[in-house]
Amino acid sequence: MPRRKVIIKRESPADPKYGSPLVTKFVNAMMHAGKKSTAERILYGSIRNIEEKTGQPGLTVFKAALTNAKPILEV
């Protein structure tokens, strides 16, 4: 933690295929040993399978699945 300057939080760039920064963050979290293309191939294939099985856009189903997996915070 720096003592002089405030750290500016950078936003992650959007994914080139779906245009969503959420997909980029998920790929980076799923990546193992620097193999980003393998992680992208796995995620894109699973989104394509979701689209074929449900008939809905895969990105909306992916976002809904992530919101269901998040813990609900109670205050």
PDB file of N, CA and C in Angstrom:
ATOM      1  N   MET A   1       0.847  -1.168   0.000  1.00  0.00           N
ATOM      2  CA  MET A   1       0.000   0.000   0.000  1.00  0.00           C
ATOM      3  C   MET A   1       0.898   1.238   0.000  1.00  0.00           C
ATOM      4  N   PRO A   2       0.730   2.105  -1.002  1.00  0.00           N
ATOM      5  CA  PRO A   2       1.596   3.274  -1.072  1.00  0.00           C
ATOM      6  C   PRO A   2       1.255   4.297  -0.001  1.00  0.00           C
ATOM      7  N   ARG A   3       2.259   5.053   0.390  1.00  0.00           N
ATOM      8  CA  ARG A   3       2.055   6.064   1.420  1.00  0.00           C
ATOM      9  C   ARG A   3       1.795   7.442   0.829  1.00  0.00           C
ATOM     10  N   ARG A   4       2.200   7.649  -0.399  1.00  0.00           N
ATOM     11  CA  ARG A   4       2.105   8.994  -0.965  1.00  0.00           C
ATOM     12  C   ARG A   4       0.858   9.215  -1.807  1.00  0.00           C
ATOM     13  N   LYS A   5       0.576   8.335  -2.731  1.00  0.00           N
ATOM     14  CA  LYS A   5      -0.518   8.575  -3.655  1.00  0.00           C
ATOM     15  C   LYS A   5      -1.677   7.626  -3.381  1.00  0.00           C
ATOM     16  N   VAL A   6      -2.836   8.047  -3.829  1.00  0.00           N
ATOM     17  CA  VAL A   6      -4.024   7.224  -3.734  1.00  0.00           C
ATOM     18  C   VAL A   6      -4.051   6.302  -4.950  1.00  0.00           C
ATOM     19  N   ILE A   7      -4.365   5.051  -4.734  1.00  0.00           N
ATOM     20  CA  ILE A   7      -4.427   4.101  -5.827  1.00  0.00           C
ATOM     21  C   ILE A   7      -5.715   4.322  -6.608  1.00  0.00           C
ATOM     22  N   ILE A   8      -5.577   4.485  -7.918  1.00  0.00           N
ATOM     23  CA  ILE A   8      -6.738   4.667  -8.777  1.00  0.00           C
ATOM     24  C   ILE A   8      -7.151   3.294  -9.299  1.00  0.00           C
ATOM     25  N   LYS A   9      -8.405   2.946  -9.083  1.00  0.00           N
ATOM     26  CA  LYS A   9      -8.892   1.647  -9.514  1.00  0.00           C
ATOM     27  C   LYS A   9      -9.195   1.685 -11.009  1.00  0.00           C
ATOM     28  N   ARG A  10      -8.580   0.762 -11.728  1.00  0.00           N
ATOM     29  CA  ARG A  10      -8.794   0.700 -13.168  1.00  0.00           C
ATOM     30  C   ARG A  10      -9.965  -0.219 -13.475  1.00  0.00           C
ATOM     31  N   GLU A  11     -10.709   0.122 -14.515  1.00  0.00           N
ATOM     32  CA  GLU A  11     -11.807  -0.725 -14.936  1.00  0.00           C
ATOM     33  C   GLU A  11     -11.289  -1.732 -15.949  1.00  0.00           C
ATOM     34  N   SER A  12     -11.818  -2.938 -15.903  1.00  0.00           N
ATOM     35  CA  SER A  12     -11.361  -3.962 -16.836  1.00  0.00           C
ATOM     36  C   SER A  12     -11.970  -3.695 -18.211  1.00  0.00           C
ATOM     37  N   PRO A  13     -11.220  -3.986 -19.268  1.00  0.00           N
ATOM     38  CA  PRO A  13     -11.747  -3.748 -20.617  1.00  0.00           C
ATOM     39  C   PRO A  13     -12.855  -4.739 -20.957  1.00  0.00           C
ATOM     40  N   ALA A  14     -13.665  -4.360 -21.914  1.00  0.00           N
ATOM     41  CA  ALA A  14     -14.765  -5.220 -22.323  1.00  0.00           C
ATOM     42  C   ALA A  14     -14.243  -6.391 -23.152  1.00  0.00           C
ATOM     43  N   ASP A  15     -14.952  -7.482 -23.099  1.00  0.00           N
ATOM     44  CA  ASP A  15     -14.590  -8.673 -23.857  1.00  0.00           C
ATOM     45  C   ASP A  15     -14.803  -8.415 -25.350  1.00  0.00           C
ATOM     46  N   PRO A  16     -13.871  -8.862 -26.211  1.00  0.00           N
ATOM     47  CA  PRO A  16     -14.028  -8.571 -27.642  1.00  0.00           C
ATOM     48  C   PRO A  16     -15.213  -9.288 -28.295  1.00  0.00           C
ATOM     49  N   LYS A  17     -15.604 -10.442 -27.793  1.00  0.00           N
ATOM     50  CA  LYS A  17     -16.685 -11.195 -28.423  1.00  0.00           C
ATOM     51  C   LYS A  17     -18.060 -10.743 -27.932  1.00  0.00           C
ATOM     52  N   TYR A  18     -18.222 -10.574 -26.632  1.00  0.00           N
ATOM     53  CA  TYR A  18     -19.523 -10.227 -26.062  1.00  0.00           C
ATOM     54  C   TYR A  18     -19.630  -8.769 -25.622  1.00  0.00           C
ATOM     55  N   GLY A  19     -18.532  -8.065 -25.521  1.00  0.00           N
ATOM     56  CA  GLY A  19     -18.563  -6.650 -25.139  1.00  0.00           C
ATOM     57  C   GLY A  19     -18.933  -6.432 -23.687  1.00  0.00           C
ATOM     58  N   SER A  20     -18.609  -7.372 -22.826  1.00  0.00           N
ATOM     59  CA  SER A  20     -18.966  -7.277 -21.421  1.00  0.00           C
ATOM     60  C   SER A  20     -17.716  -7.377 -20.557  1.00  0.00           C
ATOM     61  N   PRO A  21     -17.508  -6.425 -19.649  1.00  0.00           N
ATOM     62  CA  PRO A  21     -16.361  -6.539 -18.739  1.00  0.00           C
ATOM     63  C   PRO A  21     -16.532  -7.672 -17.730  1.00  0.00           C
ATOM     64  N   LEU A  22     -17.763  -8.111 -17.491  1.00  0.00           N
ATOM     65  CA  LEU A  22     -18.011  -9.222 -16.579  1.00  0.00           C
ATOM     66  C   LEU A  22     -17.414 -10.516 -17.123  1.00  0.00           C
ATOM     67  N   VAL A  23     -17.498 -10.711 -18.433  1.00  0.00           N
ATOM     68  CA  VAL A  23     -16.930 -11.904 -19.056  1.00  0.00           C
ATOM     69  C   VAL A  23     -15.407 -11.872 -18.934  1.00  0.00           C
ATOM     70  N   THR A  24     -14.807 -10.700 -19.119  1.00  0.00           N
ATOM     71  CA  THR A  24     -13.357 -10.562 -18.991  1.00  0.00           C
ATOM     72  C   THR A  24     -12.903 -10.895 -17.579  1.00  0.00           C
ATOM     73  N   LYS A  25     -13.615 -10.397 -16.582  1.00  0.00           N
ATOM     74  CA  LYS A  25     -13.258 -10.688 -15.192  1.00  0.00           C
ATOM     75  C   LYS A  25     -13.394 -12.170 -14.878  1.00  0.00           C
ATOM     76  N   PHE A  26     -14.432 -12.805 -15.411  1.00  0.00           N
ATOM     77  CA  PHE A  26     -14.634 -14.223 -15.157  1.00  0.00           C
ATOM     78  C   PHE A  26     -13.545 -15.059 -15.820  1.00  0.00           C
ATOM     79  N   VAL A  27     -13.150 -14.686 -17.040  1.00  0.00           N
ATOM     80  CA  VAL A  27     -12.083 -15.412 -17.735  1.00  0.00           C
ATOM     81  C   VAL A  27     -10.769 -15.261 -16.974  1.00  0.00           C
ATOM     82  N   ASN A  28     -10.483 -14.065 -16.495  1.00  0.00           N
ATOM     83  CA  ASN A  28      -9.247 -13.845 -15.750  1.00  0.00           C
ATOM     84  C   ASN A  28      -9.241 -14.612 -14.430  1.00  0.00           C
ATOM     85  N   ALA A  29     -10.392 -14.770 -13.808  1.00  0.00           N
ATOM     86  CA  ALA A  29     -10.461 -15.530 -12.566  1.00  0.00           C
ATOM     87  C   ALA A  29     -10.363 -17.033 -12.829  1.00  0.00           C
ATOM     88  N   MET A  30     -10.868 -17.470 -13.977  1.00  0.00           N
ATOM     89  CA  MET A  30     -10.850 -18.882 -14.316  1.00  0.00           C
ATOM     90  C   MET A  30      -9.501 -19.322 -14.880  1.00  0.00           C
ATOM     91  N   MET A  31      -8.717 -18.378 -15.370  1.00  0.00           N
ATOM     92  CA  MET A  31      -7.447 -18.685 -16.020  1.00  0.00           C
ATOM     93  C   MET A  31      -6.488 -19.376 -15.044  1.00  0.00           C
ATOM     94  N   HIS A  32      -5.798 -20.405 -15.529  1.00  0.00           N
ATOM     95  CA  HIS A  32      -4.841 -21.143 -14.713  1.00  0.00           C
ATOM     96  C   HIS A  32      -3.505 -21.180 -15.437  1.00  0.00           C
ATOM     97  N   ALA A  33      -2.453 -20.791 -14.759  1.00  0.00           N
ATOM     98  CA  ALA A  33      -1.084 -20.819 -15.294  1.00  0.00           C
ATOM     99  C   ALA A  33      -0.933 -19.963 -16.547  1.00  0.00           C
ATOM    100  N   GLY A  34      -1.681 -18.870 -16.630  1.00  0.00           N
ATOM    101  CA  GLY A  34      -1.529 -17.939 -17.741  1.00  0.00           C
ATOM    102  C   GLY A  34      -2.158 -18.388 -19.041  1.00  0.00           C
ATOM    103  N   LYS A  35      -2.979 -19.405 -19.022  1.00  0.00           N
ATOM    104  CA  LYS A  35      -3.584 -19.917 -20.253  1.00  0.00           C
ATOM    105  C   LYS A  35      -4.950 -19.272 -20.467  1.00  0.00           C
ATOM    106  N   LYS A  36      -4.908 -18.039 -20.940  1.00  0.00           N
ATOM    107  CA  LYS A  36      -6.130 -17.272 -21.112  1.00  0.00           C
ATOM    108  C   LYS A  36      -6.957 -17.767 -22.293  1.00  0.00           C
ATOM    109  N   SER A  37      -6.295 -18.161 -23.371  1.00  0.00           N
ATOM    110  CA  SER A  37      -7.042 -18.620 -24.545  1.00  0.00           C
ATOM    111  C   SER A  37      -7.796 -19.912 -24.240  1.00  0.00           C
ATOM    112  N   THR A  38      -7.237 -20.764 -23.411  1.00  0.00           N
ATOM    113  CA  THR A  38      -7.930 -21.988 -23.017  1.00  0.00           C
ATOM    114  C   THR A  38      -9.148 -21.662 -22.163  1.00  0.00           C
ATOM    115  N   ALA A  39      -8.992 -20.709 -21.241  1.00  0.00           N
ATOM    116  CA  ALA A  39     -10.114 -20.307 -20.395  1.00  0.00           C
ATOM    117  C   ALA A  39     -11.212 -19.662 -21.234  1.00  0.00           C
ATOM    118  N   GLU A  40     -10.840 -18.852 -22.230  1.00  0.00           N
ATOM    119  CA  GLU A  40     -11.828 -18.240 -23.109  1.00  0.00           C
ATOM    120  C   GLU A  40     -12.563 -19.304 -23.920  1.00  0.00           C
ATOM    121  N   ARG A  41     -11.828 -20.288 -24.419  1.00  0.00           N
ATOM    122  CA  ARG A  41     -12.438 -21.346 -25.218  1.00  0.00           C
ATOM    123  C   ARG A  41     -13.450 -22.130 -24.389  1.00  0.00           C
ATOM    124  N   ILE A  42     -13.114 -22.406 -23.138  1.00  0.00           N
ATOM    125  CA  ILE A  42     -14.038 -23.140 -22.259  1.00  0.00           C
ATOM    126  C   ILE A  42     -15.297 -22.316 -21.992  1.00  0.00           C
ATOM    127  N   LEU A  43     -15.125 -21.031 -21.674  1.00  0.00           N
ATOM    128  CA  LEU A  43     -16.274 -20.177 -21.356  1.00  0.00           C
ATOM    129  C   LEU A  43     -17.148 -19.946 -22.582  1.00  0.00           C
ATOM    130  N   TYR A  44     -16.551 -19.660 -23.732  1.00  0.00           N
ATOM    131  CA  TYR A  44     -17.330 -19.430 -24.949  1.00  0.00           C
ATOM    132  C   TYR A  44     -18.095 -20.687 -25.353  1.00  0.00           C
ATOM    133  N   GLY A  45     -17.469 -21.846 -25.183  1.00  0.00           N
ATOM    134  CA  GLY A  45     -18.155 -23.098 -25.494  1.00  0.00           C
ATOM    135  C   GLY A  45     -19.334 -23.349 -24.576  1.00  0.00           C
ATOM    136  N   SER A  46     -19.167 -23.032 -23.299  1.00  0.00           N
ATOM    137  CA  SER A  46     -20.265 -23.247 -22.358  1.00  0.00           C
ATOM    138  C   SER A  46     -21.398 -22.253 -22.606  1.00  0.00           C
ATOM    139  N   ILE A  47     -21.080 -21.024 -22.975  1.00  0.00           N
ATOM    140  CA  ILE A  47     -22.129 -20.048 -23.308  1.00  0.00           C
ATOM    141  C   ILE A  47     -22.873 -20.501 -24.564  1.00  0.00           C
ATOM    142  N   ARG A  48     -22.143 -21.039 -25.542  1.00  0.00           N
ATOM    143  CA  ARG A  48     -22.778 -21.543 -26.759  1.00  0.00           C
ATOM    144  C   ARG A  48     -23.699 -22.725 -26.435  1.00  0.00           C
ATOM    145  N   ASN A  49     -23.274 -23.607 -25.527  1.00  0.00           N
ATOM    146  CA  ASN A  49     -24.128 -24.725 -25.109  1.00  0.00           C
ATOM    147  C   ASN A  49     -25.380 -24.242 -24.393  1.00  0.00           C
ATOM    148  N   ILE A  50     -25.254 -23.203 -23.585  1.00  0.00           N
ATOM    149  CA  ILE A  50     -26.411 -22.627 -22.891  1.00  0.00           C
ATOM    150  C   ILE A  50     -27.413 -22.090 -23.900  1.00  0.00           C
ATOM    151  N   GLU A  51     -26.909 -21.400 -24.938  1.00  0.00           N
ATOM    152  CA  GLU A  51     -27.800 -20.855 -25.963  1.00  0.00           C
ATOM    153  C   GLU A  51     -28.536 -21.966 -26.704  1.00  0.00           C
ATOM    154  N   GLU A  52     -27.844 -23.073 -26.995  1.00  0.00           N
ATOM    155  CA  GLU A  52     -28.475 -24.174 -27.717  1.00  0.00           C
ATOM    156  C   GLU A  52     -29.524 -24.881 -26.869  1.00  0.00           C
ATOM    157  N   LYS A  53     -29.251 -25.065 -25.586  1.00  0.00           N
ATOM    158  CA  LYS A  53     -30.164 -25.823 -24.733  1.00  0.00           C
ATOM    159  C   LYS A  53     -31.374 -25.006 -24.288  1.00  0.00           C
ATOM    160  N   THR A  54     -31.162 -23.720 -23.963  1.00  0.00           N
ATOM    161  CA  THR A  54     -32.269 -22.925 -23.435  1.00  0.00           C
ATOM    162  C   THR A  54     -32.989 -22.112 -24.496  1.00  0.00           C
ATOM    163  N   GLY A  55     -32.306 -21.754 -25.575  1.00  0.00           N
ATOM    164  CA  GLY A  55     -32.923 -20.923 -26.600  1.00  0.00           C
ATOM    165  C   GLY A  55     -32.905 -19.444 -26.248  1.00  0.00           C
ATOM    166  N   GLN A  56     -32.308 -19.090 -25.143  1.00  0.00           N
ATOM    167  CA  GLN A  56     -32.191 -17.693 -24.718  1.00  0.00           C
ATOM    168  C   GLN A  56     -30.771 -17.226 -24.990  1.00  0.00           C
ATOM    169  N   PRO A  57     -30.554 -15.905 -25.011  1.00  0.00           N
ATOM    170  CA  PRO A  57     -29.178 -15.410 -25.166  1.00  0.00           C
ATOM    171  C   PRO A  57     -28.300 -15.909 -24.012  1.00  0.00           C
ATOM    172  N   GLY A  58     -27.137 -16.423 -24.350  1.00  0.00           N
ATOM    173  CA  GLY A  58     -26.269 -17.045 -23.355  1.00  0.00           C
ATOM    174  C   GLY A  58     -25.720 -16.067 -22.340  1.00  0.00           C
ATOM    175  N   LEU A  59     -25.490 -14.823 -22.760  1.00  0.00           N
ATOM    176  CA  LEU A  59     -24.920 -13.842 -21.840  1.00  0.00           C
ATOM    177  C   LEU A  59     -25.899 -13.465 -20.735  1.00  0.00           C
ATOM    178  N   THR A  60     -27.195 -13.375 -21.057  1.00  0.00           N
ATOM    179  CA  THR A  60     -28.172 -13.047 -20.016  1.00  0.00           C
ATOM    180  C   THR A  60     -28.318 -14.194 -19.016  1.00  0.00           C
ATOM    181  N   VAL A  61     -28.261 -15.424 -19.503  1.00  0.00           N
ATOM    182  CA  VAL A  61     -28.328 -16.582 -18.600  1.00  0.00           C
ATOM    183  C   VAL A  61     -27.079 -16.631 -17.726  1.00  0.00           C
ATOM    184  N   PHE A  62     -25.919 -16.299 -18.308  1.00  0.00           N
ATOM    185  CA  PHE A  62     -24.666 -16.263 -17.552  1.00  0.00           C
ATOM    186  C   PHE A  62     -24.720 -15.214 -16.450  1.00  0.00           C
ATOM    187  N   LYS A  63     -25.234 -14.022 -16.772  1.00  0.00           N
ATOM    188  CA  LYS A  63     -25.352 -12.970 -15.759  1.00  0.00           C
ATOM    189  C   LYS A  63     -26.323 -13.355 -14.660  1.00  0.00           C
ATOM    190  N   ALA A  64     -27.428 -13.996 -15.035  1.00  0.00           N
ATOM    191  CA  ALA A  64     -28.398 -14.438 -14.031  1.00  0.00           C
ATOM    192  C   ALA A  64     -27.793 -15.508 -13.124  1.00  0.00           C
ATOM    193  N   ALA A  65     -26.997 -16.399 -13.694  1.00  0.00           N
ATOM    194  CA  ALA A  65     -26.355 -17.436 -12.890  1.00  0.00           C
ATOM    195  C   ALA A  65     -25.356 -16.829 -11.904  1.00  0.00           C
ATOM    196  N   LEU A  66     -24.633 -15.804 -12.341  1.00  0.00           N
ATOM    197  CA  LEU A  66     -23.681 -15.154 -11.432  1.00  0.00           C
ATOM    198  C   LEU A  66     -24.392 -14.409 -10.305  1.00  0.00           C
ATOM    199  N   THR A  67     -25.515 -13.770 -10.603  1.00  0.00           N
ATOM    200  CA  THR A  67     -26.247 -13.078  -9.535  1.00  0.00           C
ATOM    201  C   THR A  67     -26.865 -14.079  -8.553  1.00  0.00           C
ATOM    202  N   ASN A  68     -27.244 -15.264  -9.052  1.00  0.00           N
ATOM    203  CA  ASN A  68     -27.781 -16.292  -8.146  1.00  0.00           C
ATOM    204  C   ASN A  68     -26.682 -16.881  -7.262  1.00  0.00           C
ATOM    205  N   ALA A  69     -25.452 -16.902  -7.760  1.00  0.00           N
ATOM    206  CA  ALA A  69     -24.356 -17.495  -6.997  1.00  0.00           C
ATOM    207  C   ALA A  69     -23.775 -16.532  -5.970  1.00  0.00           C
ATOM    208  N   LYS A  70     -24.010 -15.232  -6.132  1.00  0.00           N
ATOM    209  CA  LYS A  70     -23.472 -14.255  -5.189  1.00  0.00           C
ATOM    210  C   LYS A  70     -24.182 -14.361  -3.846  1.00  0.00           C
ATOM    211  N   PRO A  71     -23.466 -14.144  -2.777  1.00  0.00           N
ATOM    212  CA  PRO A  71     -24.124 -14.154  -1.476  1.00  0.00           C
ATOM    213  C   PRO A  71     -24.956 -12.881  -1.279  1.00  0.00           C
ATOM    214  N   ILE A  72     -26.076 -13.028  -0.620  1.00  0.00           N
ATOM    215  CA  ILE A  72     -26.934 -11.887  -0.335  1.00  0.00           C
ATOM    216  C   ILE A  72     -26.455 -11.272   0.963  1.00  0.00           C
ATOM    217  N   LEU A  73     -26.226  -9.988   0.953  1.00  0.00           N
ATOM    218  CA  LEU A  73     -25.710  -9.306   2.131  1.00  0.00           C
ATOM    219  C   LEU A  73     -26.859  -8.721   2.930  1.00  0.00           C
ATOM    220  N   GLU A  74     -26.937  -9.074   4.187  1.00  0.00           N
ATOM    221  CA  GLU A  74     -27.974  -8.530   5.052  1.00  0.00           C
ATOM    222  C   GLU A  74     -27.354  -7.511   5.987  1.00  0.00           C
ATOM    223  N   VAL A  75     -28.058  -6.422   6.167  1.00  0.00           N
ATOM    224  CA  VAL A  75     -27.559  -5.360   7.037  1.00  0.00           C
ATOM    225  C   VAL A  75     -28.404  -5.290   8.291  1.00  0.00           C
TER     226      VAL A  75
END
